[in-house]
Amino acid sequence: MRLVVLGGGGFRVPLVHSSLLGDPARLVDELVLYDVDPLRLKGISAVLDRQAAAFDWRPRLRTTTSLEDAVRGADVVFSAIRVGGLRGRTLDERVALGEGLLGQETVGAGGICYALRTIPVAMEIASTVDRLAPDAWLINFTNPAGMVTEAMSAVLGDRVVGICDSPVGLCRRVAHALDVPFDRAGFDYVGLNHLGWLRAVRVNGHDRLPALFDDPVALTSFEEGKLFGASWLRTLRAIPNEYLHYYYFARETLAEVASSATTRGEFLLSQQDQFYSQVLSAPDALALWETVRLERESTYMAEGRAVADVGERDACDMDGGGYEQVALRLMASIGGNHPASLILNVRNRGAVPGLPSDAVVEVPCVVDGNGPRPIATDPLPEHAIGLMRRVKSCERAAITAAVDRSRDHALLALGSHPLVDSVAAAERTLDAYITAFPTLSDLKP
């Protein structure tokens, strides 16, 4: 199988490569890395070469800066691009904060702006894949993953699948807190990307999750329990995805972010600039990468932990399972026609009552040689489906804005978002984003 990674110079590519090296089936025999930055490709290739030194086999590795060259004849395409780079992310954050709004990468104003400039590029990628690799599956990691996957599905249909590691990480942590085997449990998870709830953990037909709500020590022993607190989790009778902290504790999180000297994007920009400037001359490129990765993971969602006053992230909370492992299982299930159950971002097709059939949702799916099929879910409580509907309407307005270059739809996406409390602020934010990003200057009323 030929696997193509778009954004092949990205920092997390060695996680994918490591999973391929450890795959006993050797599913992927050729790995093609595409990136617009040749220096990043060289840096990551040095890390991959060091990784492979400990193995007696590796996939053939090829790098390219040509999208068409990369995609032609691919079996599977991973899309993991960042339009505007980390400097773009810092602008997403700072512009919103300047109006008293949250500028997180995938949530609120920042997520909408990121989608506005990413979706046009994603659509070009989808068209290129459709033309040059019509039988390929596209697995999307590019954020905001739900919006980007939904936009690309207009070209690729069900052959584009979105992946996020947050749900599987949550499920692993809850299984550990319940002391049940992860591989034997069934997880009732439903939502949108970065907005979902774990509602049941079934083992031998019995839901074990209620027992967790009766045990305050176990309930607060893992990341989400610490972030949300036992009282709120018992009220919800569900475990939210960590990103819902931005909604449930919006005021406190915004205050914490605004008071910090640097944003998450600024931290990562400084860290990544330093890494890529050092990696080619480092005595051990892999060791340098591992050190930087550990720092990156340990500081993830730091503002949420600061609000909850729970200290540093535990090592067990950083072992989420990884999007690269989910992707490998997905490829193995499709390529080998081996049935599996995975939480994925796919078209709804009636699985979640109350949302459009073509809206992309994040739910458990049965996967085989014909790809993923969403599993129907029980109706959500009104507070949950109400939030999902409102956020989904903003996402769909943002997709329309990006595809049709419509300023009115961009403003609708921003002004109606639950984390944006002022249309006037939304309009000023949109104008500032258009000024900051020349690619948005063609948005028309």
Protein backbone atom coordinates (compact mmCIF):
# COMPACT_ATOMS: atom_id res chain seq x y z
CA MET A 1 0.00 0.00 0.00
CA ARG A 2 1.22 3.49 -0.87
CA LEU A 3 0.51 6.00 1.89
CA VAL A 4 0.85 9.71 1.17
CA VAL A 5 1.12 12.24 4.00
CA LEU A 6 0.21 15.81 3.07
CA GLY A 7 1.99 18.04 5.54
CA GLY A 8 4.80 15.50 5.54
CA GLY A 9 7.21 17.89 7.23
CA GLY A 10 4.89 18.25 10.21
CA PHE A 11 6.09 17.58 13.73
CA ARG A 12 3.77 14.62 14.38
CA VAL A 13 4.74 12.63 11.28
CA PRO A 14 7.23 10.48 13.26
CA LEU A 15 4.25 9.13 15.23
CA VAL A 16 2.78 7.79 11.99
CA HIS A 17 6.14 6.38 10.91
CA SER A 18 6.65 4.68 14.27
CA SER A 19 3.29 2.93 13.96
CA LEU A 20 4.21 1.72 10.47
CA LEU A 21 7.55 0.37 11.69
CA GLY A 22 5.77 -1.56 14.44
CA ASP A 23 3.05 -2.95 12.19
CA PRO A 24 3.50 -6.74 11.98
CA ALA A 25 1.39 -6.85 8.80
CA ARG A 26 3.66 -4.30 7.07
CA LEU A 27 0.54 -2.84 5.52
CA VAL A 28 2.33 0.20 4.05
CA ASP A 29 5.32 -0.55 1.82
CA GLU A 30 5.79 3.00 0.48
CA LEU A 31 5.51 6.24 2.43
CA VAL A 32 5.42 9.51 0.47
CA LEU A 33 5.81 12.78 2.35
CA TYR A 34 4.57 15.98 0.70
CA ASP A 35 5.20 19.45 2.07
CA VAL A 36 5.56 22.96 0.68
CA ASP A 37 8.67 23.48 2.86
CA PRO A 38 11.67 21.35 1.75
CA LEU A 39 13.67 22.17 4.89
CA ARG A 40 10.92 20.77 7.13
CA LEU A 41 10.86 17.64 4.97
CA LYS A 42 14.61 17.21 5.46
CA GLY A 43 14.33 17.71 9.20
CA ILE A 44 11.54 15.18 9.67
CA SER A 45 13.26 12.71 7.31
CA ALA A 46 16.30 12.83 9.62
CA VAL A 47 14.07 11.87 12.55
CA LEU A 48 12.48 9.04 10.56
CA ASP A 49 15.87 7.67 9.50
CA ARG A 50 16.95 7.57 13.12
CA GLN A 51 13.71 5.82 14.08
CA ALA A 52 14.17 3.18 11.39
CA ALA A 53 17.72 2.36 12.49
CA ALA A 54 16.34 0.14 15.26
CA PHE A 55 14.26 -1.96 12.85
CA ASP A 56 15.17 -4.53 10.19
CA TRP A 57 12.43 -3.23 7.86
CA ARG A 58 10.89 0.09 6.95
CA PRO A 59 8.56 1.38 4.24
CA ARG A 60 10.28 2.93 1.26
CA LEU A 61 10.47 6.68 1.91
CA ARG A 62 10.08 9.40 -0.68
CA THR A 63 9.67 13.16 -0.26
CA THR A 64 8.26 15.70 -2.69
CA THR A 65 7.10 19.32 -2.86
CA SER A 66 4.67 18.57 -5.72
CA LEU A 67 1.11 17.76 -4.70
CA GLU A 68 0.31 16.03 -7.99
CA ASP A 69 3.47 13.93 -7.82
CA ALA A 70 2.63 12.90 -4.26
CA VAL A 71 -1.00 11.99 -4.81
CA ARG A 72 -0.83 10.22 -8.17
CA GLY A 73 -1.63 6.52 -7.69
CA ALA A 74 -1.99 6.72 -3.90
CA ASP A 75 -3.94 4.09 -2.01
CA VAL A 76 -4.43 6.21 1.13
CA VAL A 77 -3.85 9.92 1.65
CA PHE A 78 -3.39 11.50 5.08
CA SER A 79 -4.16 15.21 5.04
CA ALA A 80 -2.39 16.94 7.91
CA ILE A 81 -1.75 20.45 6.61
CA ARG A 82 -1.65 23.77 8.47
CA VAL A 83 -2.58 26.65 6.19
CA GLY A 84 -0.79 29.75 7.41
CA GLY A 85 1.50 27.75 9.68
CA LEU A 86 1.84 28.42 13.38
CA ARG A 87 2.21 32.12 12.69
CA GLY A 88 -1.33 31.99 11.32
CA ARG A 89 -2.46 30.27 14.51
CA THR A 90 -0.98 33.04 16.64
CA LEU A 91 -2.97 35.59 14.64
CA ASP A 92 -6.13 33.51 15.07
CA GLU A 93 -5.59 33.71 18.81
CA ARG A 94 -4.45 37.32 19.18
CA VAL A 95 -7.05 38.90 16.90
CA ALA A 96 -9.88 37.25 18.83
CA LEU A 97 -8.35 38.07 22.21
CA GLY A 98 -8.13 41.68 21.11
CA GLU A 99 -11.95 41.70 21.03
CA GLY A 100 -12.32 39.77 24.28
CA LEU A 101 -13.08 36.52 22.45
CA LEU A 102 -11.53 33.07 22.66
CA GLY A 103 -9.17 32.42 19.78
CA GLN A 104 -8.52 28.71 20.23
CA GLU A 105 -7.31 26.75 17.20
CA THR A 106 -10.54 24.83 16.57
CA VAL A 107 -13.09 26.44 18.90
CA GLY A 108 -14.90 29.75 18.55
CA ALA A 109 -13.62 32.68 16.51
CA GLY A 110 -10.14 31.22 16.02
CA GLY A 111 -11.50 27.96 14.70
CA ILE A 112 -13.80 29.72 12.25
CA CYS A 113 -10.99 31.87 10.87
CA TYR A 114 -8.76 28.81 10.54
CA ALA A 115 -11.54 27.07 8.60
CA LEU A 116 -12.04 30.07 6.29
CA ARG A 117 -8.47 29.91 5.04
CA THR A 118 -8.03 26.11 5.20
CA ILE A 119 -11.16 24.89 3.41
CA PRO A 120 -10.26 26.35 -0.03
CA VAL A 121 -6.90 24.54 0.10
CA ALA A 122 -8.59 21.36 1.33
CA MET A 123 -11.02 21.52 -1.60
CA GLU A 124 -8.11 21.76 -4.05
CA ILE A 125 -6.59 18.70 -2.39
CA ALA A 126 -9.88 16.81 -2.62
CA SER A 127 -10.17 17.61 -6.33
CA THR A 128 -6.57 16.51 -6.95
CA VAL A 129 -7.12 13.22 -5.14
CA ASP A 130 -10.38 12.66 -7.01
CA ARG A 131 -8.59 13.22 -10.33
CA LEU A 132 -5.28 11.42 -9.76
CA ALA A 133 -6.16 8.74 -7.20
CA PRO A 134 -9.89 8.10 -7.63
CA ASP A 135 -9.82 4.87 -5.61
CA ALA A 136 -7.86 6.35 -2.70
CA TRP A 137 -9.25 6.89 0.77
CA LEU A 138 -8.49 10.29 2.27
CA ILE A 139 -8.03 10.35 6.03
CA ASN A 140 -8.26 13.89 7.32
CA PHE A 141 -6.36 15.12 10.37
CA THR A 142 -6.37 18.77 9.30
CA ASN A 143 -8.10 21.02 11.81
CA PRO A 144 -10.79 22.08 12.31
CA ALA A 145 -11.30 18.42 11.41
CA GLY A 146 -15.10 18.29 11.39
CA MET A 147 -15.51 21.31 9.11
CA VAL A 148 -12.68 20.33 6.78
CA THR A 149 -13.95 16.75 6.46
CA GLU A 150 -17.49 17.95 5.76
CA ALA A 151 -16.29 20.37 3.09
CA MET A 152 -14.14 17.70 1.38
CA SER A 153 -17.03 15.22 1.40
CA ALA A 154 -18.76 17.39 -1.22
CA VAL A 155 -16.04 16.17 -3.63
CA LEU A 156 -15.01 12.78 -2.23
CA GLY A 157 -18.27 11.62 -0.66
CA ASP A 158 -17.80 8.87 1.91
CA ARG A 159 -14.19 8.28 0.83
CA VAL A 160 -13.02 11.05 3.15
CA VAL A 161 -12.94 10.19 6.86
CA GLY A 162 -11.97 12.52 9.69
CA ILE A 163 -9.87 11.36 12.62
CA CYS A 164 -9.22 12.85 16.05
CA ASP A 165 -7.40 11.28 18.99
CA SER A 166 -9.45 13.04 21.69
CA PRO A 167 -12.33 10.50 21.82
CA VAL A 168 -10.12 7.41 21.95
CA GLY A 169 -7.94 9.09 24.57
CA LEU A 170 -11.02 9.85 26.68
CA CYS A 171 -12.27 6.26 26.32
CA ARG A 172 -8.90 4.82 27.34
CA ARG A 173 -8.68 7.02 30.40
CA VAL A 174 -12.23 6.21 31.53
CA ALA A 175 -11.67 2.48 30.99
CA HIS A 176 -8.54 2.71 33.15
CA ALA A 177 -10.45 4.58 35.87
CA LEU A 178 -13.11 1.85 35.81
CA ASP A 179 -10.44 -0.87 35.76
CA VAL A 180 -11.99 -2.50 32.70
CA PRO A 181 -10.09 -3.77 29.62
CA PHE A 182 -10.25 -1.14 26.89
CA ASP A 183 -10.39 -3.76 24.13
CA ARG A 184 -13.41 -5.49 25.69
CA ALA A 185 -15.49 -2.39 26.33
CA GLY A 186 -18.04 -0.72 24.09
CA PHE A 187 -18.13 3.07 24.23
CA ASP A 188 -21.27 5.13 23.57
CA TYR A 189 -19.71 8.39 22.38
CA VAL A 190 -21.50 11.01 20.31
CA GLY A 191 -20.88 14.57 19.19
CA LEU A 192 -19.05 16.77 16.73
CA ASN A 193 -15.30 17.05 16.45
CA HIS A 194 -14.01 18.59 19.70
CA LEU A 195 -17.55 18.64 21.09
CA GLY A 196 -18.84 15.29 22.33
CA TRP A 197 -19.83 13.17 25.31
CA LEU A 198 -19.09 9.64 26.49
CA ARG A 199 -22.46 8.36 27.71
CA ALA A 200 -21.86 4.67 28.49
CA VAL A 201 -19.08 2.11 28.87
CA ARG A 202 -20.50 -1.35 28.31
CA VAL A 203 -18.78 -4.56 29.38
CA ASN A 204 -20.62 -7.88 28.95
CA GLY A 205 -23.79 -5.91 28.21
CA HIS A 206 -23.64 -3.88 31.44
CA ASP A 207 -23.05 -0.12 31.55
CA ARG A 208 -20.18 0.47 33.96
CA LEU A 209 -20.18 4.27 33.73
CA PRO A 210 -22.75 4.88 36.52
CA ALA A 211 -20.35 3.26 39.00
CA LEU A 212 -17.79 5.94 38.17
CA PHE A 213 -20.16 8.74 39.16
CA ASP A 214 -20.55 7.08 42.58
CA ASP A 215 -16.78 7.03 43.18
CA PRO A 216 -15.43 10.60 43.54
CA VAL A 217 -11.81 9.41 43.80
CA ALA A 218 -11.94 7.41 40.57
CA LEU A 219 -14.04 10.10 38.87
CA THR A 220 -11.32 12.71 39.39
CA SER A 221 -8.36 10.41 38.73
CA PHE A 222 -8.04 11.26 35.03
CA GLU A 223 -7.77 14.33 32.81
CA GLU A 224 -11.44 15.03 32.11
CA GLY A 225 -12.46 14.33 35.70
CA LYS A 226 -9.96 16.89 36.90
CA LEU A 227 -10.93 19.46 34.27
CA PHE A 228 -14.70 19.33 34.80
CA GLY A 229 -14.97 18.27 38.44
CA ALA A 230 -17.05 15.52 40.01
CA SER A 231 -20.11 17.70 40.66
CA TRP A 232 -20.55 18.75 37.01
CA LEU A 233 -19.90 15.24 35.69
CA ARG A 234 -22.52 13.79 38.02
CA THR A 235 -24.91 16.48 36.84
CA LEU A 236 -24.30 15.62 33.18
CA ARG A 237 -24.24 11.87 33.79
CA ALA A 238 -21.69 11.79 30.95
CA ILE A 239 -17.99 12.53 30.46
CA PRO A 240 -17.41 15.44 28.06
CA ASN A 241 -14.61 15.68 25.54
CA GLU A 242 -11.88 17.88 27.01
CA TYR A 243 -12.61 20.65 24.47
CA LEU A 244 -16.01 21.22 26.04
CA HIS A 245 -14.12 22.93 28.85
CA TYR A 246 -14.03 25.98 26.57
CA TYR A 247 -17.85 26.01 26.60
CA TYR A 248 -18.61 24.99 30.19
CA PHE A 249 -15.95 27.26 31.71
CA ALA A 250 -15.79 29.92 29.01
CA ARG A 251 -15.43 32.95 31.29
CA GLU A 252 -12.68 31.43 33.42
CA THR A 253 -10.77 30.01 30.46
CA LEU A 254 -10.86 33.29 28.55
CA ALA A 255 -9.55 35.14 31.62
CA GLU A 256 -6.73 32.61 32.02
CA VAL A 257 -5.72 32.80 28.35
CA ALA A 258 -5.91 36.61 28.32
CA SER A 259 -3.69 36.86 31.41
CA SER A 260 -0.99 34.59 30.01
CA ALA A 261 2.14 36.15 28.54
CA THR A 262 2.02 33.83 25.53
CA THR A 263 -0.73 31.95 23.76
CA ARG A 264 -0.54 28.26 22.93
CA GLY A 265 0.23 29.12 19.32
CA GLU A 266 3.07 31.45 20.34
CA PHE A 267 4.54 28.74 22.57
CA LEU A 268 4.41 26.16 19.77
CA LEU A 269 5.77 28.61 17.20
CA SER A 270 8.84 29.31 19.34
CA GLN A 271 9.30 25.63 20.16
CA GLN A 272 8.92 24.45 16.55
CA ASP A 273 11.16 27.16 15.09
CA GLN A 274 13.88 26.09 17.49
CA PHE A 275 13.38 22.40 16.72
CA TYR A 276 13.54 22.74 12.95
CA SER A 277 16.58 25.02 13.16
CA GLN A 278 18.45 22.41 15.24
CA VAL A 279 17.30 19.02 13.98
CA LEU A 280 19.61 18.65 10.97
CA SER A 281 22.70 19.40 13.05
CA ALA A 282 21.60 17.52 16.16
CA PRO A 283 23.73 14.51 17.22
CA ASP A 284 20.51 12.51 17.60
CA ALA A 285 17.53 13.90 15.68
CA LEU A 286 15.16 11.38 17.27
CA ALA A 287 16.22 12.22 20.82
CA LEU A 288 15.70 15.92 20.13
CA TRP A 289 12.28 15.22 18.69
CA GLU A 290 11.28 13.09 21.70
CA THR A 291 12.32 15.83 24.12
CA VAL A 292 10.33 18.47 22.26
CA ARG A 293 7.31 16.16 21.93
CA LEU A 294 7.23 15.48 25.68
CA GLU A 295 7.22 19.21 26.40
CA ARG A 296 4.48 19.72 23.84
CA GLU A 297 2.27 16.97 25.31
CA SER A 298 2.80 17.93 28.93
CA THR A 299 1.66 21.53 28.29
CA TYR A 300 -1.45 20.55 26.28
CA MET A 301 -4.69 22.18 27.55
CA ALA A 302 -2.65 24.01 30.19
CA GLU A 303 -5.21 26.82 30.51
CA GLY A 304 -7.93 24.33 31.41
CA ARG A 305 -5.83 22.73 34.13
CA ALA A 306 -4.98 26.18 35.46
CA VAL A 307 -8.68 27.05 35.71
CA ALA A 308 -9.39 23.73 37.45
CA ASP A 309 -6.27 24.17 39.64
CA VAL A 310 -5.18 20.55 39.09
CA GLY A 311 -1.48 21.05 38.44
CA GLU A 312 0.60 19.37 35.77
CA ARG A 313 -0.62 16.73 33.38
CA ASP A 314 -0.11 13.13 34.54
CA ALA A 315 1.88 10.75 32.37
CA CYS A 316 -1.10 8.36 32.15
CA ASP A 317 -3.27 11.15 30.74
CA MET A 318 -0.81 11.68 27.88
CA ASP A 319 -1.22 8.09 26.69
CA GLY A 320 -4.33 8.66 24.63
CA GLY A 321 -3.82 6.03 21.97
CA GLY A 322 -2.82 8.49 19.27
CA TYR A 323 -4.47 9.47 16.00
CA GLU A 324 -1.78 7.55 14.13
CA GLN A 325 -2.90 4.28 15.77
CA VAL A 326 -6.54 5.02 14.93
CA ALA A 327 -5.50 5.71 11.34
CA LEU A 328 -3.54 2.46 11.09
CA ARG A 329 -6.53 0.48 12.40
CA LEU A 330 -8.76 2.26 9.91
CA MET A 331 -6.42 1.45 7.01
CA ALA A 332 -6.10 -2.17 8.11
CA SER A 333 -9.87 -2.55 8.39
CA ILE A 334 -10.51 -1.09 4.95
CA GLY A 335 -7.51 -2.61 3.17
CA GLY A 336 -7.88 -6.09 4.68
CA ASN A 337 -11.67 -6.05 5.06
CA HIS A 338 -11.22 -6.68 8.79
CA PRO A 339 -14.28 -5.38 10.70
CA ALA A 340 -13.55 -2.94 13.52
CA SER A 341 -15.35 -0.36 15.62
CA LEU A 342 -13.78 3.10 15.63
CA ILE A 343 -14.90 6.61 16.61
CA LEU A 344 -14.62 8.66 13.42
CA ASN A 345 -15.83 11.85 11.75
CA VAL A 346 -18.25 10.79 9.00
CA ARG A 347 -21.48 11.89 7.38
CA ASN A 348 -24.36 11.55 9.80
CA ARG A 349 -26.79 9.59 7.60
CA GLY A 350 -29.39 9.62 10.37
CA ALA A 351 -27.10 8.28 13.10
CA VAL A 352 -27.63 11.38 15.29
CA PRO A 353 -31.30 12.40 15.37
CA GLY A 354 -31.85 16.09 14.79
CA LEU A 355 -28.84 16.81 12.56
CA PRO A 356 -28.74 16.89 8.73
CA SER A 357 -27.92 13.63 6.97
CA ASP A 358 -24.84 15.11 5.24
CA ALA A 359 -23.50 16.85 8.36
CA VAL A 360 -20.26 15.33 9.61
CA VAL A 361 -20.54 13.97 13.15
CA GLU A 362 -18.12 12.15 15.46
CA VAL A 363 -19.56 8.76 16.40
CA PRO A 364 -18.63 5.06 16.65
CA CYS A 365 -18.57 3.40 13.24
CA VAL A 366 -18.40 -0.13 11.94
CA VAL A 367 -15.50 -0.28 9.48
CA ASP A 368 -14.73 -2.92 6.84
CA GLY A 369 -13.59 -3.06 3.22
CA ASN A 370 -16.38 -0.69 2.23
CA GLY A 371 -15.29 1.95 4.70
CA PRO A 372 -16.99 3.27 7.84
CA ARG A 373 -20.71 3.26 8.56
CA PRO A 374 -21.99 5.29 11.51
CA ILE A 375 -23.82 3.47 14.28
CA ALA A 376 -27.20 4.95 15.20
CA THR A 377 -27.26 6.65 18.60
CA ASP A 378 -29.91 7.17 21.23
CA PRO A 379 -31.38 10.69 21.32
CA LEU A 380 -29.24 13.21 23.15
CA PRO A 381 -30.54 15.31 26.04
CA GLU A 382 -31.78 18.71 24.95
CA HIS A 383 -28.79 20.61 26.39
CA ALA A 384 -26.40 18.50 24.31
CA ILE A 385 -28.28 18.35 21.00
CA GLY A 386 -29.07 22.06 21.34
CA LEU A 387 -25.37 22.91 21.60
CA MET A 388 -24.51 20.55 18.76
CA ARG A 389 -27.15 22.10 16.48
CA ARG A 390 -25.97 25.62 17.20
CA VAL A 391 -22.29 24.84 16.64
CA LYS A 392 -23.06 22.77 13.54
CA SER A 393 -25.03 25.68 12.05
CA CYS A 394 -21.97 27.91 12.58
CA GLU A 395 -19.73 25.29 10.98
CA ARG A 396 -21.96 25.00 7.92
CA ALA A 397 -22.09 28.79 7.56
CA ALA A 398 -18.27 28.86 7.72
CA ILE A 399 -18.03 26.16 5.03
CA THR A 400 -20.39 28.13 2.78
CA ALA A 401 -18.36 31.28 3.42
CA ALA A 402 -15.10 29.54 2.51
CA VAL A 403 -16.45 27.86 -0.64
CA ASP A 404 -18.58 30.76 -1.94
CA ARG A 405 -16.23 33.49 -0.62
CA SER A 406 -19.14 35.05 1.24
CA ARG A 407 -18.47 37.66 3.90
CA ASP A 408 -22.08 37.51 5.06
CA HIS A 409 -21.82 33.80 5.82
CA ALA A 410 -18.47 34.34 7.56
CA LEU A 411 -20.07 36.96 9.78
CA LEU A 412 -23.04 34.65 10.42
CA ALA A 413 -20.65 31.88 11.50
CA LEU A 414 -18.84 34.20 13.90
CA GLY A 415 -21.79 36.23 15.18
CA SER A 416 -23.98 33.23 16.00
CA HIS A 417 -21.32 31.12 17.72
CA PRO A 418 -22.05 30.29 21.39
CA LEU A 419 -18.64 31.67 22.45
CA VAL A 420 -19.13 35.01 20.67
CA ASP A 421 -21.30 37.33 22.78
CA SER A 422 -21.48 40.37 20.49
CA VAL A 423 -22.25 40.77 16.81
CA ALA A 424 -20.33 44.05 16.84
CA ALA A 425 -17.28 42.25 18.22
CA ALA A 426 -17.76 39.51 15.64
CA GLU A 427 -17.77 42.05 12.81
CA ARG A 428 -14.64 43.81 14.11
CA THR A 429 -12.95 40.43 14.51
CA LEU A 430 -13.82 39.41 10.96
CA ASP A 431 -12.48 42.70 9.59
CA ALA A 432 -9.26 42.22 11.56
CA TYR A 433 -8.88 38.67 10.25
CA ILE A 434 -9.39 39.87 6.67
CA THR A 435 -6.66 42.46 7.23
CA ALA A 436 -4.33 39.89 8.79
CA PHE A 437 -4.80 37.22 6.12
CA PRO A 438 -4.63 38.36 2.47
CA THR A 439 -6.29 35.11 1.33
CA LEU A 440 -9.49 36.31 3.03
CA SER A 441 -9.55 39.65 1.24
CA ASP A 442 -11.79 38.30 -1.54
CA LEU A 443 -14.71 37.63 0.85
CA LYS A 444 -17.62 39.56 -0.62
CA PRO A 445 -21.01 40.54 0.84
